[in-house]
Each structure stands twice: as C-alpha cells, then as structure tokens.
Amino acid sequence: MIIRMSPSLPHFGDDSVRMWITAVPLSESDEVNIVLGVDTRGGADERLACALFNYGHEGEEGVFYLLPMDLWARVEVTDDRLVVRLVTFPGRVTDAVRHHDEEFRRIVAGLGLEELPDGRVVVLRREIRIDPAALADQAGLLPGPGHRAALSPEGEPCGDDLRPVLILDHEGPATLEQLVAALDEEEASVLVVGAD
C-alpha cells in the first residue's frame, strides 16, 4: 500500500502526542482526517486500545474498520484545543482483555476509566492545539458551530457524524513521517473509527 501525504492540505499536530490533522490517503482521496498514532507496546491505555482493535473487520489490505459498539471517537473543540477520546462499552473492555495475561487484566482494572453519561468508558485521550478557522471548510472534520456535516460518497449530509478518525498502530513510538513509512512497508495498520 503506497501512502502519500499532500503538503497543500491543512496539517496540525504534535509528534510527541501522536495526534495530527492531515491527509493520509487510503485511496485517491486527499481528504483530511484526525489521525492518531498508537504504540502497540505503549502505556496501558494504548495497549488496551490495541486489544480493542482486534474487533476490526479488514476492508482493503491493512485497513480495518471498527463498529460503533466496539470503538468510537468522541471529538471536542474548545477554543484552539482539539480533544479526541476513544470510547467503548465496559463489557467490550472485559471481553478484549479476557485472553491477555493476569497482570495486564489487573493493570486495565486499575486504570479507572472515565465513564461517560451514555455508559461508555474512555480508553484513550489525546489533545492538540489547532486553528479551527483554518479547518472551517473541511466538512465533517470538527464538531460545533460553523462546521458543516460530513458528506457521504454520494454528497449527502451524514447527520451528526464526523469524518472517521484514522488510527495508525505501530510497534514503538513514531512520528507521523515514520508511521507513513511503516504503512508503505506494511509494518503498521490503519484502523478506521467512526466519530461524533
């Protein structure tokens, strides 16, 4: 899979946080998405997210899609801060760690996952600084006033849903450039997670 990034599209992000807004085309599209990098050997929250990735269904080679009941992204913009929370239901967490060793299950149990009003729990949280005005023409990228709904391939509004969040998983911490290179070398996967 050859991944090319377009330098002409908006790019915000932070390699140290492993979160960006950029284009990582999975086909001919230059659509900008929120992109997270997740280290498969990282902290307990990242390893828990990776355990949930096992629920993904492979579409194109190396690209996996997650159902809303398995993993979802909550996107929030406050002033110039963009926060993304990966969320799931507590039962999914229990199922996802069932086949891991007892030490990992104990670590996950001790994480104290934040519970949301809809009963989901926050698995992973990331935050970066952005310029919302520079992204206002990107339909469905960000929630809130002044931003348009995401469009289907047929050009129809998709309700309150946003563009999917793309997650690039890789062994070890990596910059965006390193993650894209790992995708080219088939050493990383892309996970597509719905968002609101």
N, C-alpha and C. Protein backbone atom coordinates (compact mmCIF):
# COMPACT_ATOMS: atom_id res chain seq x y z
N MET A 1 0.86 -1.17 0.00
CA MET A 1 0.00 0.00 0.00
C MET A 1 0.90 1.23 0.00
N ILE A 2 0.77 2.09 -0.99
CA ILE A 2 1.57 3.32 -1.06
C ILE A 2 0.74 4.46 -0.50
N ILE A 3 1.25 5.11 0.52
CA ILE A 3 0.57 6.23 1.17
C ILE A 3 1.35 7.50 0.85
N ARG A 4 0.68 8.48 0.31
CA ARG A 4 1.32 9.75 0.01
C ARG A 4 0.56 10.87 0.72
N MET A 5 1.31 11.78 1.31
CA MET A 5 0.68 12.89 2.02
C MET A 5 0.80 14.14 1.16
N SER A 6 -0.27 14.91 1.11
CA SER A 6 -0.28 16.13 0.32
C SER A 6 0.15 17.31 1.19
N PRO A 7 1.23 17.99 0.80
CA PRO A 7 1.69 19.14 1.61
C PRO A 7 0.76 20.35 1.50
N SER A 8 -0.16 20.37 0.52
CA SER A 8 -1.01 21.54 0.32
C SER A 8 -2.23 21.54 1.24
N LEU A 9 -2.50 20.45 1.92
CA LEU A 9 -3.67 20.37 2.78
C LEU A 9 -3.32 20.80 4.20
N PRO A 10 -4.35 21.19 4.98
CA PRO A 10 -4.08 21.61 6.37
C PRO A 10 -3.35 20.52 7.15
N HIS A 11 -2.42 20.94 7.97
CA HIS A 11 -1.68 19.99 8.80
C HIS A 11 -1.47 20.63 10.17
N PHE A 12 -2.04 20.01 11.17
CA PHE A 12 -1.81 20.40 12.56
C PHE A 12 -1.39 19.13 13.28
N GLY A 13 -0.66 19.26 14.35
CA GLY A 13 -0.37 18.06 15.11
C GLY A 13 0.87 18.18 15.94
N ASP A 14 1.15 17.08 16.61
CA ASP A 14 2.25 17.04 17.55
C ASP A 14 2.77 15.61 17.60
N ASP A 15 4.01 15.41 17.13
CA ASP A 15 4.59 14.07 17.13
C ASP A 15 4.73 13.51 18.54
N SER A 16 4.95 14.40 19.54
CA SER A 16 5.13 13.90 20.91
C SER A 16 3.81 13.37 21.49
N VAL A 17 2.68 13.91 21.02
CA VAL A 17 1.36 13.46 21.47
C VAL A 17 0.84 12.34 20.56
N ARG A 18 1.40 12.26 19.37
CA ARG A 18 1.00 11.30 18.32
C ARG A 18 -0.46 11.51 17.92
N MET A 19 -0.74 12.79 17.57
CA MET A 19 -2.06 13.16 17.05
C MET A 19 -1.87 14.27 16.04
N TRP A 20 -2.56 14.14 14.88
CA TRP A 20 -2.40 15.09 13.80
C TRP A 20 -3.73 15.29 13.08
N ILE A 21 -3.82 16.41 12.35
CA ILE A 21 -4.88 16.59 11.36
C ILE A 21 -4.15 16.73 10.04
N THR A 22 -4.33 15.76 9.19
CA THR A 22 -3.61 15.74 7.92
C THR A 22 -4.28 14.74 6.98
N ALA A 23 -3.80 14.66 5.78
CA ALA A 23 -4.31 13.69 4.82
C ALA A 23 -3.41 12.47 4.82
N VAL A 24 -4.00 11.33 5.05
CA VAL A 24 -3.30 10.05 4.89
C VAL A 24 -4.18 9.25 3.94
N PRO A 25 -4.06 9.51 2.65
CA PRO A 25 -4.99 8.91 1.69
C PRO A 25 -4.90 7.39 1.69
N LEU A 26 -6.06 6.77 1.77
CA LEU A 26 -6.15 5.32 1.68
C LEU A 26 -6.53 4.92 0.26
N SER A 27 -6.83 5.92 -0.56
CA SER A 27 -7.15 5.67 -1.96
C SER A 27 -6.68 6.89 -2.74
N GLU A 28 -7.49 7.38 -3.65
CA GLU A 28 -7.12 8.58 -4.41
C GLU A 28 -7.48 9.87 -3.67
N SER A 29 -8.20 9.75 -2.58
CA SER A 29 -8.70 10.93 -1.86
C SER A 29 -7.58 11.65 -1.13
N ASP A 30 -7.67 12.98 -1.10
CA ASP A 30 -6.77 13.80 -0.30
C ASP A 30 -7.51 14.36 0.92
N GLU A 31 -8.55 13.66 1.38
CA GLU A 31 -9.36 14.14 2.49
C GLU A 31 -8.54 14.21 3.78
N VAL A 32 -8.74 15.29 4.50
CA VAL A 32 -8.05 15.50 5.77
C VAL A 32 -8.84 14.78 6.87
N ASN A 33 -8.12 14.09 7.74
CA ASN A 33 -8.74 13.40 8.87
C ASN A 33 -7.95 13.69 10.13
N ILE A 34 -8.58 13.41 11.26
CA ILE A 34 -7.86 13.37 12.52
C ILE A 34 -7.15 12.02 12.53
N VAL A 35 -5.87 12.03 12.83
CA VAL A 35 -5.05 10.82 12.80
C VAL A 35 -4.37 10.65 14.16
N LEU A 36 -4.48 9.45 14.72
CA LEU A 36 -3.81 9.13 15.98
C LEU A 36 -2.78 8.04 15.72
N GLY A 37 -1.63 8.13 16.36
CA GLY A 37 -0.66 7.05 16.35
C GLY A 37 -0.75 6.32 17.68
N VAL A 38 -0.81 4.99 17.62
CA VAL A 38 -0.90 4.19 18.85
C VAL A 38 0.22 3.17 18.86
N ASP A 39 0.99 3.19 19.93
CA ASP A 39 2.13 2.28 20.12
C ASP A 39 1.62 0.97 20.70
N THR A 40 1.81 -0.12 19.98
CA THR A 40 1.32 -1.42 20.44
C THR A 40 2.04 -1.90 21.70
N ARG A 41 3.19 -1.28 22.02
CA ARG A 41 3.92 -1.62 23.25
C ARG A 41 3.89 -0.46 24.25
N GLY A 42 3.00 0.50 24.04
CA GLY A 42 2.96 1.71 24.86
C GLY A 42 2.36 1.48 26.23
N GLY A 43 1.82 2.56 26.79
CA GLY A 43 1.21 2.51 28.12
C GLY A 43 -0.03 1.62 28.11
N ALA A 44 -0.59 1.44 29.30
CA ALA A 44 -1.75 0.55 29.44
C ALA A 44 -2.92 1.01 28.59
N ASP A 45 -3.13 2.34 28.48
CA ASP A 45 -4.25 2.84 27.68
C ASP A 45 -4.06 2.50 26.20
N GLU A 46 -2.83 2.63 25.70
CA GLU A 46 -2.57 2.30 24.30
C GLU A 46 -2.70 0.79 24.06
N ARG A 47 -2.20 -0.01 24.99
CA ARG A 47 -2.31 -1.47 24.82
C ARG A 47 -3.76 -1.93 24.91
N LEU A 48 -4.56 -1.25 25.75
CA LEU A 48 -5.99 -1.57 25.81
C LEU A 48 -6.65 -1.22 24.48
N ALA A 49 -6.34 -0.05 23.93
CA ALA A 49 -6.89 0.32 22.62
C ALA A 49 -6.51 -0.73 21.58
N CYS A 50 -5.27 -1.19 21.61
CA CYS A 50 -4.83 -2.21 20.66
C CYS A 50 -5.60 -3.52 20.84
N ALA A 51 -5.93 -3.87 22.08
CA ALA A 51 -6.73 -5.08 22.32
C ALA A 51 -8.10 -4.92 21.67
N LEU A 52 -8.66 -3.71 21.70
CA LEU A 52 -9.96 -3.46 21.08
C LEU A 52 -9.87 -3.46 19.56
N PHE A 53 -8.69 -3.16 19.03
CA PHE A 53 -8.52 -3.17 17.57
C PHE A 53 -8.79 -4.56 16.99
N ASN A 54 -8.66 -5.59 17.82
CA ASN A 54 -8.91 -6.96 17.34
C ASN A 54 -10.34 -7.16 16.86
N TYR A 55 -11.24 -6.25 17.23
CA TYR A 55 -12.63 -6.33 16.76
C TYR A 55 -12.78 -5.78 15.34
N GLY A 56 -11.71 -5.20 14.79
CA GLY A 56 -11.78 -4.60 13.46
C GLY A 56 -12.04 -5.63 12.37
N HIS A 57 -12.71 -5.18 11.32
CA HIS A 57 -13.01 -6.00 10.16
C HIS A 57 -12.18 -5.47 9.00
N GLU A 58 -11.36 -6.33 8.38
CA GLU A 58 -10.47 -5.87 7.31
C GLU A 58 -11.26 -5.54 6.06
N GLY A 59 -11.01 -4.34 5.53
CA GLY A 59 -11.58 -3.92 4.25
C GLY A 59 -10.49 -4.10 3.22
N GLU A 60 -9.85 -3.01 2.84
CA GLU A 60 -8.70 -3.10 1.97
C GLU A 60 -7.53 -3.70 2.77
N GLU A 61 -6.52 -4.15 2.07
CA GLU A 61 -5.38 -4.76 2.74
C GLU A 61 -4.74 -3.79 3.74
N GLY A 62 -4.65 -4.22 4.99
CA GLY A 62 -4.03 -3.40 6.03
C GLY A 62 -4.93 -2.32 6.61
N VAL A 63 -6.20 -2.27 6.19
CA VAL A 63 -7.15 -1.26 6.69
C VAL A 63 -8.29 -1.99 7.38
N PHE A 64 -8.52 -1.65 8.65
CA PHE A 64 -9.52 -2.34 9.46
C PHE A 64 -10.57 -1.33 9.93
N TYR A 65 -11.83 -1.74 9.89
CA TYR A 65 -12.95 -0.89 10.27
C TYR A 65 -13.55 -1.41 11.58
N LEU A 66 -13.80 -0.49 12.50
CA LEU A 66 -14.40 -0.87 13.79
C LEU A 66 -15.85 -0.41 13.85
N LEU A 67 -16.70 -1.26 14.40
CA LEU A 67 -18.11 -0.92 14.58
C LEU A 67 -18.27 0.01 15.78
N PRO A 68 -19.31 0.85 15.78
CA PRO A 68 -19.52 1.79 16.89
C PRO A 68 -19.59 1.12 18.25
N MET A 69 -20.12 -0.10 18.33
CA MET A 69 -20.22 -0.78 19.63
C MET A 69 -18.86 -1.27 20.12
N ASP A 70 -17.88 -1.36 19.22
CA ASP A 70 -16.55 -1.85 19.59
C ASP A 70 -15.60 -0.71 19.98
N LEU A 71 -15.60 0.35 19.19
CA LEU A 71 -14.74 1.51 19.48
C LEU A 71 -15.28 2.69 18.70
N TRP A 72 -15.30 3.86 19.33
CA TRP A 72 -15.85 5.08 18.73
C TRP A 72 -14.98 6.23 19.17
N ALA A 73 -14.96 7.31 18.39
CA ALA A 73 -14.18 8.51 18.74
C ALA A 73 -15.12 9.66 19.07
N ARG A 74 -14.91 10.27 20.21
CA ARG A 74 -15.64 11.48 20.59
C ARG A 74 -14.68 12.65 20.36
N VAL A 75 -15.12 13.60 19.56
CA VAL A 75 -14.29 14.74 19.18
C VAL A 75 -14.88 16.01 19.77
N GLU A 76 -14.01 16.82 20.38
CA GLU A 76 -14.46 18.05 21.04
C GLU A 76 -13.47 19.16 20.74
N VAL A 77 -14.00 20.34 20.43
CA VAL A 77 -13.15 21.52 20.20
C VAL A 77 -13.54 22.58 21.21
N THR A 78 -12.55 23.08 21.95
CA THR A 78 -12.75 24.18 22.89
C THR A 78 -11.67 25.21 22.58
N ASP A 79 -12.10 26.36 22.07
CA ASP A 79 -11.18 27.41 21.63
C ASP A 79 -10.20 26.81 20.62
N ASP A 80 -8.92 26.77 20.96
CA ASP A 80 -7.94 26.23 20.00
C ASP A 80 -7.46 24.83 20.37
N ARG A 81 -8.22 24.15 21.21
CA ARG A 81 -7.83 22.80 21.65
C ARG A 81 -8.77 21.76 21.04
N LEU A 82 -8.17 20.74 20.44
CA LEU A 82 -8.92 19.61 19.90
C LEU A 82 -8.65 18.41 20.78
N VAL A 83 -9.73 17.81 21.32
CA VAL A 83 -9.63 16.64 22.18
C VAL A 83 -10.33 15.48 21.48
N VAL A 84 -9.65 14.33 21.43
CA VAL A 84 -10.26 13.11 20.90
C VAL A 84 -10.20 12.06 22.00
N ARG A 85 -11.35 11.44 22.25
CA ARG A 85 -11.44 10.34 23.22
C ARG A 85 -11.89 9.10 22.48
N LEU A 86 -11.15 8.01 22.60
CA LEU A 86 -11.61 6.72 22.09
C LEU A 86 -12.44 6.08 23.19
N VAL A 87 -13.66 5.69 22.85
CA VAL A 87 -14.59 5.18 23.86
C VAL A 87 -15.17 3.83 23.44
N THR A 88 -15.58 3.06 24.44
CA THR A 88 -16.26 1.79 24.20
C THR A 88 -17.10 1.47 25.42
N PHE A 89 -17.81 0.35 25.37
CA PHE A 89 -18.62 -0.07 26.50
C PHE A 89 -17.78 -0.93 27.46
N PRO A 90 -18.05 -0.87 28.76
CA PRO A 90 -17.27 -1.65 29.73
C PRO A 90 -17.20 -3.15 29.39
N GLY A 91 -18.29 -3.71 28.88
CA GLY A 91 -18.30 -5.13 28.52
C GLY A 91 -17.30 -5.45 27.43
N ARG A 92 -17.10 -4.50 26.50
CA ARG A 92 -16.11 -4.70 25.43
C ARG A 92 -14.70 -4.72 26.02
N VAL A 93 -14.45 -3.88 27.02
CA VAL A 93 -13.14 -3.87 27.67
C VAL A 93 -12.89 -5.24 28.30
N THR A 94 -13.89 -5.74 29.03
CA THR A 94 -13.77 -7.06 29.68
C THR A 94 -13.48 -8.14 28.66
N ASP A 95 -14.25 -8.14 27.56
CA ASP A 95 -14.04 -9.15 26.51
C ASP A 95 -12.67 -9.02 25.85
N ALA A 96 -12.23 -7.77 25.62
CA ALA A 96 -10.98 -7.53 24.90
C ALA A 96 -9.76 -8.00 25.69
N VAL A 97 -9.83 -7.93 27.02
CA VAL A 97 -8.65 -8.31 27.83
C VAL A 97 -8.74 -9.74 28.36
N ARG A 98 -9.85 -10.41 28.11
CA ARG A 98 -10.07 -11.77 28.65
C ARG A 98 -8.93 -12.72 28.31
N HIS A 99 -8.38 -12.63 27.11
CA HIS A 99 -7.35 -13.58 26.67
C HIS A 99 -5.93 -13.09 26.93
N HIS A 100 -5.80 -11.97 27.62
CA HIS A 100 -4.47 -11.46 27.98
C HIS A 100 -4.07 -12.01 29.34
N ASP A 101 -2.80 -11.82 29.69
CA ASP A 101 -2.33 -12.37 30.96
C ASP A 101 -2.95 -11.62 32.14
N GLU A 102 -2.86 -12.26 33.31
CA GLU A 102 -3.49 -11.72 34.51
C GLU A 102 -2.93 -10.35 34.88
N GLU A 103 -1.64 -10.14 34.68
CA GLU A 103 -1.03 -8.85 35.02
C GLU A 103 -1.65 -7.72 34.19
N PHE A 104 -1.83 -7.94 32.88
CA PHE A 104 -2.44 -6.91 32.03
C PHE A 104 -3.89 -6.66 32.45
N ARG A 105 -4.64 -7.71 32.75
CA ARG A 105 -6.03 -7.54 33.20
C ARG A 105 -6.08 -6.72 34.49
N ARG A 106 -5.11 -6.95 35.39
CA ARG A 106 -5.06 -6.21 36.65
C ARG A 106 -4.73 -4.73 36.37
N ILE A 107 -3.81 -4.48 35.44
CA ILE A 107 -3.44 -3.10 35.09
C ILE A 107 -4.65 -2.37 34.51
N VAL A 108 -5.37 -3.03 33.60
CA VAL A 108 -6.56 -2.42 32.99
C VAL A 108 -7.62 -2.15 34.04
N ALA A 109 -7.82 -3.09 34.95
CA ALA A 109 -8.81 -2.90 36.02
C ALA A 109 -8.45 -1.69 36.89
N GLY A 110 -7.17 -1.40 37.02
CA GLY A 110 -6.73 -0.28 37.84
C GLY A 110 -6.65 1.05 37.11
N LEU A 111 -6.98 1.07 35.82
CA LEU A 111 -6.88 2.31 35.05
C LEU A 111 -7.88 3.37 35.51
N GLY A 112 -9.00 2.96 36.07
CA GLY A 112 -10.01 3.95 36.47
C GLY A 112 -10.55 4.69 35.27
N LEU A 113 -11.05 3.94 34.28
CA LEU A 113 -11.53 4.53 33.04
C LEU A 113 -12.69 5.48 33.32
N GLU A 114 -12.60 6.68 32.74
CA GLU A 114 -13.65 7.69 32.89
C GLU A 114 -14.94 7.18 32.25
N GLU A 115 -16.04 7.22 33.01
CA GLU A 115 -17.33 6.77 32.47
C GLU A 115 -18.11 7.98 31.96
N LEU A 116 -18.68 7.85 30.77
CA LEU A 116 -19.46 8.91 30.15
C LEU A 116 -20.95 8.70 30.43
N PRO A 117 -21.77 9.76 30.28
CA PRO A 117 -23.21 9.63 30.57
C PRO A 117 -23.92 8.53 29.78
N ASP A 118 -23.43 8.18 28.58
CA ASP A 118 -24.10 7.14 27.79
C ASP A 118 -23.66 5.73 28.18
N GLY A 119 -22.84 5.61 29.24
CA GLY A 119 -22.41 4.30 29.71
C GLY A 119 -21.10 3.83 29.12
N ARG A 120 -20.57 4.54 28.14
CA ARG A 120 -19.27 4.16 27.57
C ARG A 120 -18.15 4.64 28.49
N VAL A 121 -16.97 4.08 28.29
CA VAL A 121 -15.79 4.50 29.05
C VAL A 121 -14.72 4.99 28.08
N VAL A 122 -13.89 5.91 28.58
CA VAL A 122 -12.80 6.47 27.77
C VAL A 122 -11.59 5.55 27.89
N VAL A 123 -11.14 5.06 26.75
CA VAL A 123 -9.99 4.16 26.69
C VAL A 123 -8.70 4.95 26.50
N LEU A 124 -8.75 5.97 25.65
CA LEU A 124 -7.55 6.75 25.30
C LEU A 124 -7.98 8.18 25.03
N ARG A 125 -7.18 9.14 25.50
CA ARG A 125 -7.49 10.57 25.30
C ARG A 125 -6.25 11.26 24.73
N ARG A 126 -6.46 12.06 23.69
CA ARG A 126 -5.38 12.85 23.10
C ARG A 126 -5.86 14.28 22.90
N GLU A 127 -4.92 15.23 22.92
CA GLU A 127 -5.26 16.65 22.77
C GLU A 127 -4.14 17.38 22.07
N ILE A 128 -4.51 18.25 21.11
CA ILE A 128 -3.54 19.11 20.43
C ILE A 128 -4.13 20.50 20.25
N ARG A 129 -3.27 21.44 19.89
CA ARG A 129 -3.69 22.81 19.58
C ARG A 129 -3.90 22.91 18.07
N ILE A 130 -5.01 23.55 17.66
CA ILE A 130 -5.32 23.73 16.24
C ILE A 130 -5.80 25.15 15.99
N ASP A 131 -6.00 25.48 14.73
CA ASP A 131 -6.65 26.73 14.34
C ASP A 131 -7.98 26.35 13.69
N PRO A 132 -9.10 26.35 14.47
CA PRO A 132 -10.38 25.91 13.92
C PRO A 132 -10.80 26.67 12.66
N ALA A 133 -10.47 27.98 12.58
CA ALA A 133 -10.86 28.78 11.41
C ALA A 133 -10.20 28.25 10.14
N ALA A 134 -8.96 27.76 10.26
CA ALA A 134 -8.25 27.23 9.09
C ALA A 134 -8.87 25.92 8.60
N LEU A 135 -9.68 25.28 9.44
CA LEU A 135 -10.29 24.00 9.09
C LEU A 135 -11.78 24.11 8.82
N ALA A 136 -12.32 25.34 8.83
CA ALA A 136 -13.77 25.54 8.69
C ALA A 136 -14.32 25.01 7.38
N ASP A 137 -13.51 24.98 6.32
CA ASP A 137 -14.01 24.49 5.02
C ASP A 137 -13.92 22.97 4.89
N GLN A 138 -13.45 22.28 5.93
CA GLN A 138 -13.32 20.83 5.90
C GLN A 138 -14.60 20.20 6.47
N ALA A 139 -15.57 19.94 5.59
CA ALA A 139 -16.88 19.43 6.01
C ALA A 139 -16.73 18.14 6.82
N GLY A 140 -17.37 18.12 8.01
CA GLY A 140 -17.42 16.92 8.83
C GLY A 140 -16.17 16.59 9.60
N LEU A 141 -15.18 17.49 9.59
CA LEU A 141 -13.95 17.19 10.31
C LEU A 141 -14.09 17.49 11.81
N LEU A 142 -14.68 18.65 12.13
CA LEU A 142 -14.79 19.08 13.52
C LEU A 142 -16.26 19.32 13.89
N PRO A 143 -16.61 19.11 15.14
CA PRO A 143 -17.98 19.41 15.59
C PRO A 143 -18.11 20.89 15.91
N GLY A 144 -19.34 21.31 16.11
CA GLY A 144 -19.57 22.66 16.63
C GLY A 144 -20.08 23.63 15.59
N PRO A 145 -20.45 24.84 16.07
CA PRO A 145 -20.98 25.87 15.18
C PRO A 145 -19.95 26.25 14.12
N GLY A 146 -20.43 26.52 12.94
CA GLY A 146 -19.54 26.95 11.87
C GLY A 146 -18.90 25.81 11.10
N HIS A 147 -19.19 24.58 11.49
CA HIS A 147 -18.63 23.44 10.78
C HIS A 147 -19.75 22.64 10.16
N ARG A 148 -19.53 22.22 8.93
CA ARG A 148 -20.57 21.50 8.18
C ARG A 148 -20.51 20.01 8.46
N ALA A 149 -21.65 19.34 8.25
CA ALA A 149 -21.73 17.89 8.44
C ALA A 149 -20.87 17.18 7.40
N ALA A 150 -20.41 15.99 7.78
CA ALA A 150 -19.68 15.14 6.84
C ALA A 150 -20.62 14.74 5.72
N LEU A 151 -20.07 14.46 4.54
CA LEU A 151 -20.87 14.06 3.39
C LEU A 151 -20.58 12.62 3.01
N SER A 152 -21.61 11.93 2.55
CA SER A 152 -21.45 10.56 2.06
C SER A 152 -20.75 10.62 0.70
N PRO A 153 -20.30 9.46 0.18
CA PRO A 153 -19.70 9.46 -1.17
C PRO A 153 -20.65 10.01 -2.24
N GLU A 154 -21.97 9.96 -1.96
CA GLU A 154 -22.95 10.48 -2.92
C GLU A 154 -23.19 11.98 -2.71
N GLY A 155 -22.51 12.59 -1.72
CA GLY A 155 -22.66 14.02 -1.48
C GLY A 155 -23.78 14.39 -0.53
N GLU A 156 -24.37 13.40 0.17
CA GLU A 156 -25.46 13.66 1.10
C GLU A 156 -24.91 13.88 2.52
N PRO A 157 -25.51 14.82 3.31
CA PRO A 157 -25.06 15.01 4.70
C PRO A 157 -25.24 13.73 5.51
N CYS A 158 -24.30 13.47 6.42
CA CYS A 158 -24.30 12.24 7.23
C CYS A 158 -24.79 12.51 8.65
N GLY A 159 -25.76 13.36 8.83
CA GLY A 159 -26.28 13.63 10.17
C GLY A 159 -25.24 14.28 11.05
N ASP A 160 -25.16 13.82 12.31
CA ASP A 160 -24.23 14.41 13.26
C ASP A 160 -22.85 13.77 13.23
N ASP A 161 -22.70 12.70 12.48
CA ASP A 161 -21.41 12.01 12.46
C ASP A 161 -20.36 12.86 11.75
N LEU A 162 -19.14 12.68 12.20
CA LEU A 162 -18.00 13.37 11.61
C LEU A 162 -17.26 12.41 10.70
N ARG A 163 -16.24 12.91 10.03
CA ARG A 163 -15.35 12.03 9.27
C ARG A 163 -14.74 11.02 10.25
N PRO A 164 -14.43 9.83 9.78
CA PRO A 164 -13.80 8.87 10.69
C PRO A 164 -12.44 9.37 11.19
N VAL A 165 -12.08 8.92 12.37
CA VAL A 165 -10.73 9.13 12.91
C VAL A 165 -9.90 7.95 12.44
N LEU A 166 -8.70 8.22 11.94
CA LEU A 166 -7.80 7.16 11.49
C LEU A 166 -6.76 6.91 12.58
N ILE A 167 -6.55 5.66 12.88
CA ILE A 167 -5.56 5.27 13.89
C ILE A 167 -4.50 4.45 13.20
N LEU A 168 -3.25 4.83 13.38
CA LEU A 168 -2.13 4.09 12.81
C LEU A 168 -1.44 3.38 13.96
N ASP A 169 -1.47 2.04 13.95
CA ASP A 169 -0.81 1.32 15.04
C ASP A 169 0.55 0.82 14.57
N HIS A 170 1.49 0.85 15.50
CA HIS A 170 2.88 0.54 15.17
C HIS A 170 3.60 0.15 16.44
N GLU A 171 4.56 -0.71 16.32
CA GLU A 171 5.35 -1.11 17.49
C GLU A 171 6.39 -0.05 17.79
N GLY A 172 6.26 0.58 18.93
CA GLY A 172 7.19 1.63 19.34
C GLY A 172 6.65 3.01 18.98
N PRO A 173 7.10 4.06 19.71
CA PRO A 173 6.66 5.42 19.40
C PRO A 173 7.20 5.83 18.03
N ALA A 174 6.43 6.64 17.32
CA ALA A 174 6.84 7.04 15.97
C ALA A 174 6.27 8.40 15.62
N THR A 175 6.99 9.14 14.79
CA THR A 175 6.48 10.39 14.25
C THR A 175 5.50 10.06 13.13
N LEU A 176 4.78 11.07 12.66
CA LEU A 176 3.85 10.86 11.55
C LEU A 176 4.60 10.35 10.32
N GLU A 177 5.74 10.94 10.03
CA GLU A 177 6.54 10.52 8.88
C GLU A 177 6.95 9.05 9.00
N GLN A 178 7.36 8.64 10.20
CA GLN A 178 7.75 7.24 10.42
C GLN A 178 6.55 6.30 10.29
N LEU A 179 5.37 6.74 10.76
CA LEU A 179 4.18 5.91 10.64
C LEU A 179 3.78 5.72 9.18
N VAL A 180 3.85 6.78 8.41
CA VAL A 180 3.51 6.67 6.99
C VAL A 180 4.49 5.75 6.28
N ALA A 181 5.78 5.85 6.63
CA ALA A 181 6.78 4.94 6.06
C ALA A 181 6.49 3.50 6.47
N ALA A 182 6.08 3.30 7.72
CA ALA A 182 5.74 1.94 8.19
C ALA A 182 4.54 1.38 7.44
N LEU A 183 3.58 2.23 7.10
CA LEU A 183 2.44 1.78 6.29
C LEU A 183 2.91 1.32 4.92
N ASP A 184 3.79 2.10 4.31
CA ASP A 184 4.33 1.72 3.00
C ASP A 184 5.03 0.37 3.05
N GLU A 185 5.69 0.09 4.18
CA GLU A 185 6.44 -1.16 4.33
C GLU A 185 5.59 -2.26 4.96
N GLU A 186 4.28 -2.00 5.14
CA GLU A 186 3.33 -2.95 5.73
C GLU A 186 3.74 -3.39 7.14
N GLU A 187 4.33 -2.43 7.90
CA GLU A 187 4.69 -2.68 9.28
C GLU A 187 3.73 -1.99 10.24
N ALA A 188 2.67 -1.40 9.70
CA ALA A 188 1.66 -0.73 10.51
C ALA A 188 0.31 -0.95 9.83
N SER A 189 -0.75 -0.77 10.61
CA SER A 189 -2.11 -0.92 10.09
C SER A 189 -2.85 0.40 10.24
N VAL A 190 -3.93 0.54 9.48
CA VAL A 190 -4.83 1.69 9.62
C VAL A 190 -6.13 1.17 10.18
N LEU A 191 -6.60 1.81 11.25
CA LEU A 191 -7.90 1.46 11.82
C LEU A 191 -8.82 2.64 11.63
N VAL A 192 -10.01 2.39 11.12
CA VAL A 192 -10.97 3.43 10.82
C VAL A 192 -12.06 3.37 11.87
N VAL A 193 -12.21 4.49 12.62
CA VAL A 193 -13.13 4.54 13.75
C VAL A 193 -14.13 5.66 13.50
N GLY A 194 -15.42 5.36 13.62
CA GLY A 194 -16.45 6.39 13.47
C GLY A 194 -16.32 7.44 14.56
N ALA A 195 -16.87 8.63 14.30
CA ALA A 195 -16.68 9.75 15.23
C ALA A 195 -17.93 10.61 15.30
N ASP A 196 -18.11 11.24 16.46
CA ASP A 196 -19.12 12.30 16.61
C ASP A 196 -18.59 13.34 17.56
